[in-house]
Amino acid sequence: MKHSRYFLAVRTRPDRAIIKDEWIQQAIEHPFRQQVQADGRIRRWTRIEEAEKRWLRVILLQDGETVHNAFFDRGFKP
């Protein structure tokens, strides 16, 4: 999995450290929803059953494969 330096930095936060690589890969490969931001970055959401059915948002850079951010999105409405 390719990732930005920013992703490595925020991944050290306790709320982000619990996010498994396999969950991020799931969001990349099988998103429930996708949205392209104005800056070209790509948002993808997936539901993580093992994490109390929370929604994981993964932000990819414009290349569609480099992970820039990943977090549980409390405000996501399916």
Protein backbone atom coordinates (compact mmCIF):
# COMPACT_ATOMS: atom_id res chain seq x y z
CA MET A 1 0.00 0.00 0.00
CA LYS A 2 1.40 3.36 -1.02
CA HIS A 3 1.03 6.21 1.46
CA SER A 4 1.94 9.86 1.94
CA ARG A 5 4.22 11.18 4.69
CA TYR A 6 1.21 12.88 6.22
CA PHE A 7 -0.51 9.51 6.58
CA LEU A 8 2.51 8.12 8.44
CA ALA A 9 2.46 11.10 10.80
CA VAL A 10 -1.25 10.93 11.68
CA ARG A 11 -1.20 7.16 11.94
CA THR A 12 0.66 7.50 15.24
CA ARG A 13 -2.42 9.04 16.89
CA PRO A 14 -4.21 6.52 19.15
CA ASP A 15 -7.54 6.87 17.31
CA ARG A 16 -5.82 6.17 13.97
CA ALA A 17 -3.37 3.49 15.12
CA ILE A 18 -6.26 1.04 15.61
CA ILE A 19 -7.17 1.17 11.90
CA LYS A 20 -5.93 -1.99 10.22
CA ASP A 21 -4.27 -2.00 6.80
CA GLU A 22 -6.79 -4.60 5.62
CA TRP A 23 -9.65 -2.21 6.43
CA ILE A 24 -7.97 0.54 4.40
CA GLN A 25 -7.49 -1.89 1.52
CA GLN A 26 -11.17 -2.83 1.74
CA ALA A 27 -12.16 0.83 1.37
CA ILE A 28 -9.84 1.22 -1.61
CA GLU A 29 -10.95 -1.92 -3.44
CA HIS A 30 -14.64 -2.14 -2.45
CA PRO A 31 -15.94 1.29 -1.44
CA PHE A 32 -19.55 1.77 -0.45
CA ARG A 33 -19.33 5.32 -1.80
CA GLN A 34 -16.73 7.43 -3.59
CA GLN A 35 -16.46 11.18 -3.99
CA VAL A 36 -13.83 13.30 -5.73
CA GLN A 37 -12.89 16.47 -3.84
CA ALA A 38 -12.32 19.82 -5.54
CA ASP A 39 -8.55 19.34 -5.17
CA GLY A 40 -8.70 15.98 -6.99
CA ARG A 41 -8.27 13.79 -3.92
CA ILE A 42 -10.61 10.83 -3.70
CA ARG A 43 -12.77 9.97 -0.69
CA ARG A 44 -13.87 6.36 -0.25
CA TRP A 45 -16.03 4.93 2.51
CA THR A 46 -16.58 1.40 3.71
CA ARG A 47 -18.32 -0.08 6.72
CA ILE A 48 -16.11 -2.00 9.12
CA GLU A 49 -18.15 -4.68 10.88
CA GLU A 50 -15.34 -5.56 13.34
CA ALA A 51 -15.12 -1.93 14.47
CA GLU A 52 -18.67 -1.66 15.82
CA LYS A 53 -19.98 -1.21 12.25
CA ARG A 54 -18.36 2.22 11.97
CA TRP A 55 -17.71 3.90 8.64
CA LEU A 56 -14.09 4.25 7.57
CA ARG A 57 -13.18 7.13 5.25
CA VAL A 58 -9.99 6.78 3.25
CA ILE A 59 -8.56 9.76 1.36
CA LEU A 60 -6.45 8.92 -1.68
CA LEU A 61 -4.25 11.31 -3.61
CA GLN A 62 -5.11 12.11 -7.22
CA ASP A 63 -3.31 8.97 -8.46
CA GLY A 64 -6.08 6.86 -6.87
CA GLU A 65 -3.68 4.58 -4.99
CA THR A 66 -1.66 6.64 -2.49
CA VAL A 67 -3.34 6.78 0.93
CA HIS A 68 -3.25 10.27 2.40
CA ASN A 69 -5.59 9.83 5.37
CA ALA A 70 -7.86 7.24 7.00
CA PHE A 71 -10.25 7.73 9.90
CA PHE A 72 -13.62 6.66 11.24
CA ASP A 73 -16.15 9.15 9.90
CA ARG A 74 -18.71 9.87 12.63
CA GLY A 75 -20.73 12.17 10.37
CA PHE A 76 -21.14 9.84 7.39
CA LYS A 77 -24.75 9.16 6.38
CA PRO A 78 -25.20 6.20 3.98
